Each structure stands twice: as C-alpha cells, then as structure tokens.
C-alpha cells in the first residue's frame, strides 16, 4: 500500500497531507504533546520529594544535540524558574517549542549497517529528519493560563536559506534553532525560550508509563503500510488505549481533514492524558515516566526548569488551558507544487495578540456578527435532534453566516461553544446569549468556522430556545 509518509527523495516536492479520509498525529508521532502531559504528572510529587529529585538530577544533561553559539542565541537564555527553595516555581511567561520527530532510516545522517539492511522502514530513535508535529506552548503565570498552539506540519512558509517549504522540513536543514526561527517568523516574531524534541518511539512508552489513556475513538480506523510495518485497526467508541493503540489513533490521518484531523484528535488525547497524569495513581509511575523522558527527548530545558513547567501545568485550572491551531486553509488542487496548509496572516496576528502577548493593531472587525462563521454540530447522541430552530434563532440575532456541520467525537452532556480560531470574546458573547453550555478555546470544531457550537444534552433539557438581543 502507499505509505503515509513522503519518501526521502520526494519529501519536499510531493503532497504529504493529501486530504482523503480521518491528527494532529504524527500522530502522530506527534503526540509530542504527550511529553507535556507526562510532565504534569511529576508536579504531583510532594514538595520534599520534588526537591530531592531536583537536587539529584540538576545538571543531568537532557540535551542530546550540540548547538553552536549562534544557534543557542536563537533561544532566550534568561532564567524561567526561581532559585533555591523556589526551584520549582515558574517566575515569568515562557514559550516552549515542542516537536515530535518521526524518523525513518533514510532520514538519519549516519545510519547503521543494520538499518541499511532492513527490508522495511522502521521508526528509529533519532532527532534527524522531519518534525511530524510542532507545538508552541505558552506557560503564563501572570495570566494563569497555558496555551498550546499547533502548527500544521504542512504549513507553507519561508525557511531562512532554503526558500519556501513546508515548515516541518526546517529541522532537517537546521535542527531546533532553524525550526524555532521559522515558527517565530510565521507567528509575527514571537520569542521562543526553549525547545523540546521527542522521538516517536518514546510516545508509546510514555503512554504506557502513565498507565494508558481513556479516549473516544470517533470512527472505525483501519490502515496498513507494509513499508513501515504500520498497522492501524481501531474500533469506534470510548476505550482505554495502551501506548501502541494510542499511537495508532495519533498517526491515522485518512479522513477528509488529513493532518488537521490528526491535530484535532491530538487535542482530545492531550486532554485525556492531562486527566490521567493528575490521578493519584500516577505518583507510583513517576520514576518510569522520568526514565522514558530522559531516554527519548532532546531539550535545552534544565531538569530544574522542567520541574517548574510541570508544577505550573499541574496547578493550572482546566478552564485556563487553551488549545489552538495556526489559522489557515487547505491549498487548492494545482495551486502549488504540493499540498500545503496556507496560513492566514491576519488571523495569526489577532491570535498572537490575544494569546501570546504580542503587540498588534487594535483594528478588529472579525467579531462582528455578520462576519463570524458559526458552525452548529449535534453532539447530543440523539439522531432525531433538529438544529434548524437554533440556526434560525442565531440568524435573527444578526449572526448571518450560520451552518450545520457534521459532528465527530464523543456525545456531550454540556454544550461546548468552541472558539475555533481563538476568539474567546465572541464565544463568550454567544454562550451568554444562549444561556447554557461552556466556552472552550480549542480547535476541535469545524475547521472553517470562527465559532463552533457543539450542542450537548443540556440543550435538550432546556426545552426552549434562548431569545437573543438583536445585534445592531
């Protein structure tokens, strides 16, 4: 069968994310986000145990790559955590670029003889090659928020010294420093303080170290790639997945949204892993989690800083954790030499101003009711639900661009008003007008929408539709 991955000879000219059928995964190898999830579990250790751990590990090298002076200068070298007894306290906002590496033998700069002789292309424990997942995470103790921004691997952007490419190729040209520079340039010059690269081989081990993860698989998933010995076979429904099964969910991207669908599933998995990592039972698994991290990551974070980030993540309220995606669109057929995710610079500017403290122009008319694209999805679990009355009510309120969208994922007890593009203010306005549901700043809704209303069972219980004030 055709490989999901672009071959080494074609990886910069072929379409690596053909939109066909249903992750964020590299899934993904990319569930690199999983790294952060594991870290949050560490924070549950008592202060004493944490202090002893920091003392014993501080100075242990987590960085496997050697950065030149110019490469190291790409990252902010200022302290991010307190000293002494405050070693685990985050002292300022920090932006960390997390990359999930999916590396095959042809990607390795110096493959071993055994790798050359293999009759298939297995994943190898290396940080060379493409970054299959890219995630910019902002830990902000001042705003008490944690923001995760997914950068689609096929985002079309300029890579310094190499022209216009898919952003995931930056790592092959210049490692973490060029990757960070490329992401910063794409996102309006945002500063990047640290980086983390995690190999796909470590993701499954990390999920197992945490005791697995319970998620809702949105559809039957079946895929076979003999060239990589990749076999995916999952059934629809809520289930507890081990590391191998979680990787299958994260790597599957044969749906209508391609890699964007993987990113959406990635966000669901991250939420589930956060819940798993914070369970009391995870305490006994911390040594195993630490071993997996040490063996499978490359980072310029010190252990002290790692603990500070983990502690902050564990203390952050779920309502203050936001999961976003770089705004954009799929390229049209024959528009370019390959299939890309085309970033929307205006929406990126707005998003970075709202969530990453970048100074941007105050001009903003995107939240006017006539401009907002509002998708309505049925997540009641009741096939007889009629959403047309809700659409008409929104229309009467001045929201003219409202449409019903195909739903996916687990049925909801509580309606989610999803700020798909990060526009929390507009989502709050709609939620307040509805009088039910809760706002979620994440990218799990309709990818073409500004706001997605995922209608849950609470709407059915309400009995009547809200009356909106007429917008001017």
Protein backbone atom coordinates (compact mmCIF):
# COMPACT_ATOMS: atom_id res chain seq x y z
CA UNK A 1 0.00 0.00 0.00
CA UNK A 2 1.02 3.61 -0.37
CA UNK A 3 2.97 4.95 2.59
CA UNK A 4 1.50 7.75 4.67
CA UNK A 5 4.93 9.35 4.65
CA UNK A 6 6.67 11.13 1.77
CA UNK A 7 9.72 9.21 0.61
CA UNK A 8 13.16 10.75 1.25
CA UNK A 9 13.58 11.65 -2.42
CA UNK A 10 10.18 13.32 -2.66
CA UNK A 11 9.57 14.78 0.76
CA UNK A 12 9.93 18.39 -0.35
CA UNK A 13 8.04 18.12 -3.63
CA UNK A 14 5.21 15.72 -3.01
CA UNK A 15 1.92 16.27 -1.23
CA UNK A 16 2.42 14.81 2.23
CA UNK A 17 -1.04 15.60 3.55
CA UNK A 18 -3.45 14.64 0.83
CA UNK A 19 -6.91 15.23 2.18
CA UNK A 20 -8.61 11.89 1.90
CA UNK A 21 -10.10 10.16 4.89
CA UNK A 22 -9.54 10.56 9.02
CA UNK A 23 -4.39 14.28 13.79
CA UNK A 24 -2.89 16.37 15.00
CA UNK A 25 -0.99 12.86 14.97
CA UNK A 26 2.15 12.07 13.51
CA UNK A 27 0.37 11.13 15.46
CA UNK A 28 1.41 11.10 15.39
CA UNK A 29 4.33 10.70 16.22
CA UNK A 30 3.12 13.77 17.09
CA UNK A 31 1.56 13.36 20.08
CA UNK A 32 4.55 15.04 21.22
CA UNK A 33 2.26 16.93 23.26
CA UNK A 34 2.20 13.85 25.25
CA UNK A 35 5.54 14.93 26.58
CA UNK A 36 3.92 17.84 28.36
CA UNK A 37 1.25 15.57 29.70
CA UNK A 38 3.79 13.32 31.33
CA UNK A 39 5.50 16.32 32.81
CA UNK A 40 2.36 17.47 34.50
CA UNK A 41 2.27 14.21 36.42
CA UNK A 42 5.61 14.99 38.03
CA UNK A 43 4.11 18.01 39.72
CA UNK A 44 2.01 15.80 41.94
CA UNK A 45 5.02 14.67 43.89
CA UNK A 46 5.24 16.24 47.33
CA UNK A 47 7.42 19.32 47.75
CA UNK A 48 10.02 17.31 49.61
CA UNK A 49 10.20 14.54 47.05
CA UNK A 50 10.32 17.09 44.28
CA UNK A 51 13.17 18.95 45.93
CA UNK A 52 15.16 15.76 46.37
CA UNK A 53 14.51 14.84 42.77
CA UNK A 54 15.68 18.22 41.54
CA UNK A 55 18.83 18.07 43.64
CA UNK A 56 19.65 14.60 42.36
CA UNK A 57 19.02 15.39 38.70
CA UNK A 58 20.02 19.04 38.32
CA UNK A 59 22.91 19.11 35.93
CA UNK A 60 21.97 15.83 34.28
CA UNK A 61 22.18 16.60 30.55
CA UNK A 62 18.86 16.32 28.75
CA UNK A 63 20.25 17.94 25.60
CA UNK A 64 21.44 15.40 23.06
CA UNK A 65 22.08 17.89 20.25
CA UNK A 66 25.03 20.27 20.29
CA UNK A 67 24.03 23.82 19.42
CA UNK A 68 26.54 26.33 18.11
CA UNK A 69 26.76 29.72 19.78
CA UNK A 70 24.63 31.28 17.05
CA UNK A 71 22.04 28.50 17.31
CA UNK A 72 21.86 28.78 21.08
CA UNK A 73 21.34 32.54 20.72
CA UNK A 74 18.02 31.89 18.97
CA UNK A 75 16.56 30.99 22.36
CA UNK A 76 16.14 33.31 25.35
CA UNK A 77 18.70 32.32 27.98
CA UNK A 78 17.11 34.21 30.91
CA UNK A 79 16.03 32.18 33.93
CA UNK A 80 12.46 30.95 33.94
CA UNK A 81 12.29 29.47 37.44
CA UNK A 82 13.22 30.56 40.94
CA UNK A 83 16.40 29.61 42.72
CA UNK A 84 16.97 27.77 45.99
CA UNK A 85 13.73 26.54 47.54
CA UNK A 86 11.83 28.19 44.67
CA UNK A 87 13.42 25.94 42.06
CA UNK A 88 10.03 24.54 41.00
CA UNK A 89 8.29 27.91 40.70
CA UNK A 90 7.82 29.47 37.28
CA UNK A 91 8.77 33.14 37.50
CA UNK A 92 7.80 34.53 34.08
CA UNK A 93 5.89 33.65 30.90
CA UNK A 94 7.72 31.01 28.85
CA UNK A 95 7.25 29.87 25.24
CA UNK A 96 8.42 26.32 24.53
CA UNK A 97 8.56 24.81 21.04
CA UNK A 98 7.72 21.09 21.21
CA UNK A 99 8.49 18.94 18.17
CA UNK A 100 7.56 15.32 17.62
CA UNK A 101 10.11 13.55 15.45
CA UNK A 102 9.10 10.77 13.10
CA UNK A 103 12.41 9.48 11.78
CA UNK A 104 12.97 6.70 9.26
CA UNK A 105 16.38 5.18 8.31
CA UNK A 106 16.79 7.33 5.14
CA UNK A 107 16.41 10.45 7.30
CA UNK A 108 19.32 9.54 9.56
CA UNK A 109 22.57 11.30 8.69
CA UNK A 110 24.71 8.28 9.57
CA UNK A 111 22.50 5.14 9.52
CA UNK A 112 23.92 1.94 10.94
CA UNK A 113 24.68 -1.07 8.76
CA UNK A 114 21.77 -2.93 10.35
CA UNK A 115 19.39 -0.11 9.43
CA UNK A 116 20.63 -0.16 5.84
CA UNK A 117 20.00 -3.90 5.54
CA UNK A 118 16.41 -3.87 6.78
CA UNK A 119 13.75 -4.73 4.23
CA UNK A 120 11.35 -2.13 5.59
CA UNK A 121 11.47 1.37 7.10
CA UNK A 122 11.05 1.23 10.89
CA UNK A 123 10.96 4.25 13.16
CA UNK A 124 14.42 4.91 14.60
CA UNK A 125 15.48 6.68 17.78
CA UNK A 126 16.91 9.83 16.25
CA UNK A 127 16.16 13.56 16.08
CA UNK A 128 17.16 13.97 12.43
CA UNK A 129 14.51 14.30 9.78
CA UNK A 130 11.09 15.93 9.65
CA UNK A 131 9.27 17.28 12.68
CA UNK A 132 5.99 15.46 12.30
CA UNK A 133 4.35 17.60 14.97
CA UNK A 134 5.07 21.17 16.01
CA UNK A 135 3.51 22.79 19.05
CA UNK A 136 4.24 26.16 20.65
CA UNK A 137 3.26 26.10 24.32
CA UNK A 138 2.98 29.26 26.42
CA UNK A 139 3.19 28.86 30.19
CA UNK A 140 1.94 32.20 31.55
CA UNK A 141 1.95 32.57 35.35
CA UNK A 142 0.95 36.23 35.06
CA UNK A 143 -2.32 35.41 33.29
CA UNK A 144 -2.57 31.99 34.96
CA UNK A 145 -3.00 30.41 31.51
CA UNK A 146 -1.47 27.62 29.50
CA UNK A 147 -1.82 27.98 25.72
CA UNK A 148 -0.95 25.23 23.22
CA UNK A 149 -0.73 26.32 19.58
CA UNK A 150 -0.47 23.55 16.99
CA UNK A 151 1.47 24.37 13.82
CA UNK A 152 0.32 22.07 10.97
CA UNK A 153 3.32 20.20 9.60
CA UNK A 154 2.49 21.21 6.03
CA UNK A 155 2.28 24.94 6.72
CA UNK A 156 3.72 26.83 3.75
CA UNK A 157 6.35 29.29 4.95
CA UNK A 158 9.77 30.70 4.18
CA UNK A 159 12.69 28.91 5.81
CA UNK A 160 15.80 31.06 6.05
CA UNK A 161 18.37 30.00 3.46
CA UNK A 162 16.10 27.42 1.83
CA UNK A 163 13.18 29.29 0.29
CA UNK A 164 9.50 28.46 0.68
CA UNK A 165 8.98 24.98 2.12
CA UNK A 166 6.75 23.02 4.44
CA UNK A 167 7.62 24.12 7.93
CA UNK A 168 8.30 20.58 9.13
CA UNK A 169 11.40 20.46 6.92
CA UNK A 170 13.17 23.18 8.95
CA UNK A 171 14.55 20.57 11.35
CA UNK A 172 16.25 18.66 8.54
CA UNK A 173 18.00 21.84 7.37
CA UNK A 174 18.99 23.37 10.69
CA UNK A 175 17.72 21.43 13.67
CA UNK A 176 15.84 23.03 16.57
CA UNK A 177 17.31 26.51 16.05
CA UNK A 178 16.09 26.85 12.46
CA UNK A 179 12.77 25.29 13.44
CA UNK A 180 12.35 27.88 16.19
CA UNK A 181 13.32 30.72 13.84
CA UNK A 182 10.83 29.52 11.22
CA UNK A 183 8.00 29.25 13.75
CA UNK A 184 8.83 32.67 15.19
CA UNK A 185 8.81 34.29 11.75
CA UNK A 186 5.50 32.63 10.89
CA UNK A 187 3.92 33.87 14.12
CA UNK A 188 4.84 37.53 13.95
CA UNK A 189 8.22 37.38 15.65
CA UNK A 190 7.12 35.75 18.91
CA UNK A 191 10.04 34.91 21.19
CA UNK A 192 10.84 31.25 21.83
CA UNK A 193 12.60 30.47 25.10
CA UNK A 194 13.21 26.73 24.95
CA UNK A 195 12.68 23.71 22.72
CA UNK A 196 11.86 20.04 23.21
CA UNK A 197 12.22 17.30 20.60
CA UNK A 198 10.74 13.88 21.35
CA UNK A 199 11.06 10.78 19.21
CA UNK A 200 8.02 8.78 18.17
CA UNK A 201 9.45 5.70 19.87
CA UNK A 202 9.09 7.46 23.20
CA UNK A 203 5.44 8.37 22.82
CA UNK A 204 4.02 4.88 23.16
CA UNK A 205 6.37 4.22 26.07
CA UNK A 206 5.21 7.41 27.76
CA UNK A 207 1.54 6.49 27.41
CA UNK A 208 2.29 3.06 28.90
CA UNK A 209 4.30 4.66 31.71
CA UNK A 210 1.25 6.75 32.58
CA UNK A 211 -0.96 3.66 32.64
CA UNK A 212 -2.62 4.16 29.26
CA UNK A 213 -5.25 6.71 28.26
CA UNK A 214 -9.04 6.61 28.01
CA UNK A 215 -10.40 8.33 24.89
CA UNK A 216 -13.32 8.23 22.49
CA UNK A 217 -12.29 6.90 19.07
CA UNK A 218 -14.52 8.89 16.67
CA UNK A 219 -14.74 6.27 13.91
CA UNK A 220 -13.50 2.86 12.86
CA UNK A 221 -9.90 3.30 11.73
CA UNK A 222 -8.09 0.78 9.57
CA UNK A 223 -4.87 1.32 7.65
CA UNK A 224 -1.91 -0.79 6.56
CA UNK A 225 1.54 0.34 5.41
CA UNK A 226 3.85 -2.63 4.94
CA UNK A 227 6.82 -0.39 4.10
CA UNK A 228 6.88 0.89 7.69
CA UNK A 229 5.18 -2.10 9.35
CA UNK A 230 2.45 0.34 10.34
CA UNK A 231 -0.87 -1.36 11.06
CA UNK A 232 -3.83 0.60 12.39
CA UNK A 233 -7.00 -1.17 13.50
CA UNK A 234 -9.27 0.69 15.92
CA UNK A 235 -12.99 0.47 16.55
CA UNK A 236 -15.27 3.42 17.20
CA UNK A 237 -16.18 4.15 20.81
CA UNK A 238 -14.81 5.03 24.23
CA UNK A 239 -11.94 2.79 25.31
CA UNK A 240 -8.71 2.60 27.29
CA UNK A 241 -5.71 2.53 24.96
CA UNK A 242 -2.19 1.32 25.64
CA UNK A 243 0.82 3.01 24.06
CA UNK A 244 0.62 1.12 20.77
CA UNK A 245 -3.10 1.77 20.31
CA UNK A 246 -2.70 5.44 21.25
CA UNK A 247 -0.04 5.79 18.55
CA UNK A 248 -2.41 4.24 16.04
CA UNK A 249 -5.03 6.85 16.89
CA UNK A 250 -2.49 9.64 16.68
CA UNK A 251 -0.93 8.53 13.40
CA UNK A 252 -4.13 7.89 11.48
CA UNK A 253 -4.89 10.67 9.00
CA UNK A 254 -7.02 9.11 6.29
CA UNK A 255 -10.06 11.33 6.65
CA UNK A 256 -11.39 14.42 4.92
CA UNK A 257 -9.28 16.73 7.07
CA UNK A 258 -5.92 14.97 6.71
CA UNK A 259 -3.28 16.27 9.10
CA UNK A 260 -5.70 18.85 10.53
CA UNK A 261 -7.90 15.97 11.64
CA UNK A 262 -4.89 14.49 13.37
CA UNK A 263 -4.30 17.75 15.20
CA UNK A 264 -7.90 17.75 16.41
CA UNK A 265 -7.56 14.20 17.70
CA UNK A 266 -4.27 15.15 19.25
CA UNK A 267 -6.00 17.80 21.30
CA UNK A 268 -8.52 15.23 22.52
CA UNK A 269 -5.72 12.85 23.50
CA UNK A 270 -3.86 15.62 25.32
CA UNK A 271 -6.92 16.44 27.38
CA UNK A 272 -7.29 12.78 28.33
CA UNK A 273 -3.60 12.45 29.18
CA UNK A 274 -3.78 15.51 31.40
CA UNK A 275 -6.57 13.89 33.37
CA UNK A 276 -4.61 10.63 33.56
CA UNK A 277 -1.38 12.34 34.62
CA UNK A 278 -3.09 14.11 37.51
CA UNK A 279 -4.62 10.98 39.03
CA UNK A 280 -3.16 9.97 42.43
CA UNK A 281 -2.22 6.57 40.99
CA UNK A 282 0.27 8.29 38.68
CA UNK A 283 2.53 9.04 41.66
CA UNK A 284 3.84 5.49 41.67
CA UNK A 285 4.66 5.75 37.96
CA UNK A 286 6.84 8.86 38.15
CA UNK A 287 10.22 7.03 38.06
CA UNK A 288 9.18 5.17 34.91
CA UNK A 289 7.91 8.40 33.32
CA UNK A 290 11.20 10.13 34.08
CA UNK A 291 13.21 7.31 32.53
CA UNK A 292 11.17 7.48 29.32
CA UNK A 293 11.66 11.24 29.15
CA UNK A 294 15.41 11.08 29.70
CA UNK A 295 15.86 8.42 27.02
CA UNK A 296 13.67 9.91 24.31
CA UNK A 297 13.94 13.69 24.38
CA UNK A 298 16.37 16.38 23.34
CA UNK A 299 15.85 19.76 25.02
CA UNK A 300 17.66 22.85 26.23
CA UNK A 301 15.49 22.86 29.34
CA UNK A 302 17.29 22.00 32.55
CA UNK A 303 15.71 19.47 34.90
CA UNK A 304 15.01 22.34 37.27
CA UNK A 305 13.12 24.19 34.54
CA UNK A 306 11.33 21.02 33.52
CA UNK A 307 10.03 20.59 37.06
CA UNK A 308 8.92 24.23 37.19
CA UNK A 309 6.91 23.83 33.98
CA UNK A 310 5.41 20.56 35.21
CA UNK A 311 4.42 22.12 38.50
CA UNK A 312 2.79 25.06 36.77
CA UNK A 313 0.90 22.78 34.40
CA UNK A 314 -0.46 20.69 37.25
CA UNK A 315 -1.72 23.79 39.08
CA UNK A 316 -3.44 25.35 36.06
CA UNK A 317 -7.24 25.12 36.01
CA UNK A 318 -8.76 23.24 33.07
CA UNK A 319 -10.70 26.35 32.08
CA UNK A 320 -7.40 28.21 31.65
CA UNK A 321 -5.87 25.63 29.30
CA UNK A 322 -6.35 26.64 25.68
CA UNK A 323 -5.59 24.55 22.58
CA UNK A 324 -5.33 26.42 19.30
CA UNK A 325 -4.16 25.86 15.75
CA UNK A 326 -2.48 28.20 13.28
CA UNK A 327 -5.39 29.70 11.27
CA UNK A 328 -5.40 28.95 7.58
CA UNK A 329 -6.84 26.83 4.79
CA UNK A 330 -6.00 23.86 2.62
CA UNK A 331 -4.35 24.76 -0.67
CA UNK A 332 -6.42 24.20 -3.80
CA UNK A 333 -5.65 21.46 -6.27
CA UNK A 334 -2.86 22.58 -8.61
CA UNK A 335 -2.45 25.84 -6.67
CA UNK A 336 1.12 24.92 -5.73
CA UNK A 337 3.62 22.18 -6.49
CA UNK A 338 2.45 20.30 -3.38
CA UNK A 339 -0.41 20.30 -0.90
CA UNK A 340 0.02 22.91 1.85
CA UNK A 341 -1.71 24.47 4.81
CA UNK A 342 -1.88 28.14 3.81
CA UNK A 343 -1.59 30.36 6.91
CA UNK A 344 -3.92 33.35 7.32
CA UNK A 345 -1.63 36.20 8.40
CA UNK A 346 -4.43 38.50 9.61
CA UNK A 347 -5.93 35.84 11.84
CA UNK A 348 -2.49 34.82 13.08
CA UNK A 349 -1.82 38.42 14.10
CA UNK A 350 -5.07 38.57 16.04
CA UNK A 351 -4.48 35.20 17.71
CA UNK A 352 -0.93 36.07 18.75
CA UNK A 353 -2.11 39.34 20.25
CA UNK A 354 -4.85 37.65 22.25
CA UNK A 355 -2.92 34.63 23.49
CA UNK A 356 0.83 35.30 23.21
CA UNK A 357 1.04 38.93 24.35
CA UNK A 358 2.31 40.27 21.03
CA UNK A 359 1.58 43.92 20.33
CA UNK A 360 -0.78 44.14 17.37
CA UNK A 361 -3.03 46.70 15.73
CA UNK A 362 -6.24 47.34 17.65
CA UNK A 363 -8.24 47.31 14.41
CA UNK A 364 -10.56 44.33 14.53
CA UNK A 365 -13.89 43.72 12.87
CA UNK A 366 -13.77 39.94 12.74
CA UNK A 367 -16.10 39.57 15.74
CA UNK A 368 -18.96 41.46 14.12
CA UNK A 369 -21.97 39.10 13.92
CA UNK A 370 -22.19 39.47 10.15
CA UNK A 371 -18.59 38.30 9.75
CA UNK A 372 -18.48 35.41 12.19
CA UNK A 373 -18.66 31.94 10.66
CA UNK A 374 -20.64 29.83 13.14
CA UNK A 375 -20.89 26.05 12.74
CA UNK A 376 -23.51 24.10 14.71
CA UNK A 377 -22.84 20.44 15.44
CA UNK A 378 -25.15 17.86 17.01
CA UNK A 379 -23.37 16.11 19.87
CA UNK A 380 -26.48 15.10 21.79
CA UNK A 381 -26.20 11.49 20.70
CA UNK A 382 -29.85 11.68 19.56
CA UNK A 383 -30.25 11.19 15.81
CA UNK A 384 -33.67 12.88 15.89
CA UNK A 385 -32.33 16.22 17.14
CA UNK A 386 -33.33 19.14 14.91
CA UNK A 387 -30.83 22.01 14.98
CA UNK A 388 -32.63 24.23 12.48
CA UNK A 389 -34.50 26.21 15.19
CA UNK A 390 -31.18 27.12 16.79
CA UNK A 391 -29.78 28.23 13.44
CA UNK A 392 -32.82 30.45 12.82
CA UNK A 393 -32.54 31.96 16.28
CA UNK A 394 -28.89 32.83 15.65
CA UNK A 395 -29.84 34.36 12.30
CA UNK A 396 -32.44 36.59 13.97
CA UNK A 397 -29.75 37.76 16.38
CA UNK A 398 -27.67 39.06 13.49
CA UNK A 399 -25.40 36.04 13.01
CA UNK A 400 -25.96 35.57 9.29
CA UNK A 401 -23.24 33.03 8.49
CA UNK A 402 -24.51 30.03 10.47
CA UNK A 403 -24.48 26.48 9.14
CA UNK A 404 -24.94 22.93 10.37
CA UNK A 405 -21.74 20.90 10.29
CA UNK A 406 -21.08 17.17 10.51
CA UNK A 407 -20.24 16.16 14.05
CA UNK A 408 -17.50 13.82 15.20
CA UNK A 409 -16.29 12.53 18.53
CA UNK A 410 -17.99 11.71 21.79
CA UNK A 411 -21.53 12.92 22.64
CA UNK A 412 -21.54 15.76 25.17
CA UNK A 413 -23.58 16.29 28.31
CA UNK A 414 -22.76 20.01 28.26
CA UNK A 415 -22.77 22.15 25.12
CA UNK A 416 -19.35 23.46 24.07
CA UNK A 417 -19.07 26.87 22.45
CA UNK A 418 -15.71 26.35 20.76
CA UNK A 419 -13.52 29.35 19.91
CA UNK A 420 -12.03 27.56 16.90
CA UNK A 421 -9.79 30.50 15.92
CA UNK A 422 -9.07 31.59 19.50
CA UNK A 423 -11.71 34.35 19.57
CA UNK A 424 -12.69 33.90 23.19
CA UNK A 425 -14.66 37.19 23.37
CA UNK A 426 -17.08 36.22 20.59
CA UNK A 427 -17.50 32.73 22.04
CA UNK A 428 -18.34 34.22 25.45
CA UNK A 429 -20.89 36.57 23.88
CA UNK A 430 -22.66 33.70 22.13
CA UNK A 431 -22.56 31.49 25.21
CA UNK A 432 -24.04 34.25 27.38
CA UNK A 433 -26.79 34.77 24.85
CA UNK A 434 -27.53 31.05 24.73
CA UNK A 435 -27.71 30.82 28.50
CA UNK A 436 -26.24 27.33 28.57
CA UNK A 437 -23.04 25.50 27.71
CA UNK A 438 -19.41 26.37 28.35
CA UNK A 439 -16.73 28.11 26.30
CA UNK A 440 -13.76 26.07 25.12
CA UNK A 441 -10.75 27.71 23.47
CA UNK A 442 -9.59 24.83 21.30
CA UNK A 443 -9.53 23.71 17.68
CA UNK A 444 -11.79 20.66 17.87
CA UNK A 445 -14.69 22.26 15.98
CA UNK A 446 -15.38 22.78 12.29
CA UNK A 447 -12.08 23.90 10.75
CA UNK A 448 -13.73 26.52 8.55
CA UNK A 449 -15.56 28.21 11.42
CA UNK A 450 -14.73 31.03 13.78
CA UNK A 451 -17.02 29.57 16.43
CA UNK A 452 -18.43 26.04 16.60
CA UNK A 453 -21.44 25.34 18.83
CA UNK A 454 -21.27 21.66 19.76
CA UNK A 455 -24.80 21.11 21.03
CA UNK A 456 -24.95 18.76 24.01
CA UNK A 457 -27.71 17.13 26.02
CA UNK A 458 -28.16 20.23 28.20
CA UNK A 459 -29.88 21.92 25.24
CA UNK A 460 -32.47 19.14 25.14
CA UNK A 461 -33.09 19.55 28.85
CA UNK A 462 -33.62 23.28 28.47
CA UNK A 463 -36.79 22.78 26.46
CA UNK A 464 -36.88 26.22 24.86
CA UNK A 465 -34.52 28.22 22.70
CA UNK A 466 -32.97 31.42 24.05
CA UNK A 467 -34.09 34.81 22.84
CA UNK A 468 -31.11 36.79 21.55
CA UNK A 469 -30.92 40.56 21.66
CA UNK A 470 -30.97 41.88 18.11
CA UNK A 471 -27.47 42.97 17.11
CA UNK A 472 -27.03 46.47 15.67
